[in-house]
C-alpha cells in the first residue's frame, strides 16, 4: 500500500484565537505542514443551519471529527499541490 502524501497524528492540534480556527500539523517526507480549519468550517460539520459556534463547541466538533478532517486536509493538500502554509480549510472545503 502506498504511503499517504501527508500524515497526521491524532490529538496534535491547538486553538488559534486570532484566527478563530484550530491549527494542526501534517507531516510529509519533506517536513511538517501547517493547516488551519476555521470555526465556520467546523460549524458546517456540526450543523450548517446554525448561526454560530463558540470556541468550546468548535473544539468538540474537531475532536469528534478529527479523522474526517484529516481526510479532507489530505484531499485539499493534494488538490492544492501543497500550497503556501498554513493551508486554510474553510466551510467551502467541508461542503465540497
Protein backbone atom coordinates (compact mmCIF):
# COMPACT_ATOMS: atom_id res chain seq x y z
CA UNK A 1 0.00 0.00 0.00
CA UNK A 2 1.34 3.46 -0.90
CA UNK A 3 2.22 5.88 1.88
CA UNK A 4 -0.05 8.93 2.18
CA UNK A 5 1.37 12.23 0.90
CA UNK A 6 0.65 13.85 4.25
CA UNK A 7 0.17 12.10 7.57
CA UNK A 8 -1.45 13.32 10.78
CA UNK A 9 -1.11 12.48 14.46
CA UNK A 10 -4.45 12.44 16.33
CA UNK A 11 -4.53 15.00 19.14
CA UNK A 12 -1.81 17.19 17.58
CA UNK A 13 -3.80 20.44 17.40
CA UNK A 14 -4.31 23.80 19.13
CA UNK A 15 -6.89 26.58 19.18
CA UNK A 16 -5.63 29.69 17.35
CA UNK A 17 -7.66 32.55 18.88
CA UNK A 18 -6.62 35.34 16.50
CA UNK A 19 -7.76 33.22 13.53
CA UNK A 20 -10.80 31.64 15.27
CA UNK A 21 -9.52 28.32 13.98
CA UNK A 22 -7.85 25.12 15.03
CA UNK A 23 -4.30 24.64 13.87
CA UNK A 24 -2.86 21.20 13.28
CA UNK A 25 0.20 19.71 11.63
CA UNK A 26 0.56 17.30 8.79
CA UNK A 27 3.82 15.50 8.17
CA UNK A 28 5.33 14.83 4.74
CA UNK A 29 8.64 13.35 3.68
CA UNK A 30 9.88 16.95 3.35
CA UNK A 31 8.76 18.08 6.81
CA UNK A 32 5.79 19.50 8.69
CA UNK A 33 2.93 21.36 7.00
CA UNK A 34 0.63 23.70 8.93
CA UNK A 35 -3.15 23.51 8.49
CA UNK A 36 -5.92 25.69 9.88
CA UNK A 37 -9.60 24.79 9.94
CA UNK A 38 -11.91 27.71 10.59
CA UNK A 39 -14.67 27.75 13.18
CA UNK A 40 -17.10 28.25 10.28
CA UNK A 41 -15.85 25.04 8.66
CA UNK A 42 -16.37 23.21 11.95
CA UNK A 43 -19.87 24.69 12.11
CA UNK A 44 -20.51 23.22 8.66
CA UNK A 45 -19.67 19.79 10.08
CA UNK A 46 -21.91 20.31 13.11
CA UNK A 47 -24.96 21.99 11.60
CA UNK A 48 -24.83 24.26 8.54
CA UNK A 49 -28.16 25.85 9.53
CA UNK A 50 -26.84 27.02 12.91
CA UNK A 51 -25.93 30.71 13.27
CA UNK A 52 -22.58 30.45 15.05
CA UNK A 53 -20.17 28.36 17.05
CA UNK A 54 -18.20 29.10 20.22
CA UNK A 55 -14.65 28.01 20.96
CA UNK A 56 -15.58 25.06 23.18
CA UNK A 57 -18.08 23.66 20.68
CA UNK A 58 -15.60 24.13 17.81
CA UNK A 59 -13.01 22.13 19.75
CA UNK A 60 -15.56 19.38 20.49
CA UNK A 61 -16.52 19.17 16.82
CA UNK A 62 -12.85 18.96 15.81
CA UNK A 63 -12.09 16.18 18.30
CA UNK A 64 -15.20 14.18 17.33
CA UNK A 65 -14.46 14.53 13.59
CA UNK A 66 -10.66 14.57 13.60
CA UNK A 67 -10.27 11.55 11.29
CA UNK A 68 -12.66 13.06 8.71
CA UNK A 69 -10.94 16.45 8.99
CA UNK A 70 -7.57 14.80 8.37
CA UNK A 71 -9.03 13.07 5.31
CA UNK A 72 -10.34 16.42 3.99
CA UNK A 73 -7.00 18.10 4.76
CA UNK A 74 -5.15 15.36 2.85
CA UNK A 75 -7.51 15.80 -0.13
CA UNK A 76 -7.00 19.58 -0.12
CA UNK A 77 -3.24 19.25 0.26
CA UNK A 78 -3.10 17.09 -2.86
CA UNK A 79 -5.59 19.28 -4.78
CA UNK A 80 -3.61 22.43 -3.98
CA UNK A 81 -0.27 20.74 -4.75
CA UNK A 82 0.93 21.56 -1.28
CA UNK A 83 0.37 25.29 -1.38
CA UNK A 84 1.60 28.05 0.88
CA UNK A 85 1.25 27.20 4.59
CA UNK A 86 -0.82 27.35 6.56
CA UNK A 87 -3.31 25.53 4.39
CA UNK A 88 -6.68 27.02 5.30
CA UNK A 89 -9.72 24.74 5.36
CA UNK A 90 -13.00 26.65 5.12
CA UNK A 91 -16.69 25.80 5.09
CA UNK A 92 -16.44 25.55 1.28
CA UNK A 93 -13.85 22.76 1.59
CA UNK A 94 -16.03 20.87 4.08
CA UNK A 95 -19.20 21.19 1.97
CA UNK A 96 -17.34 20.28 -1.22
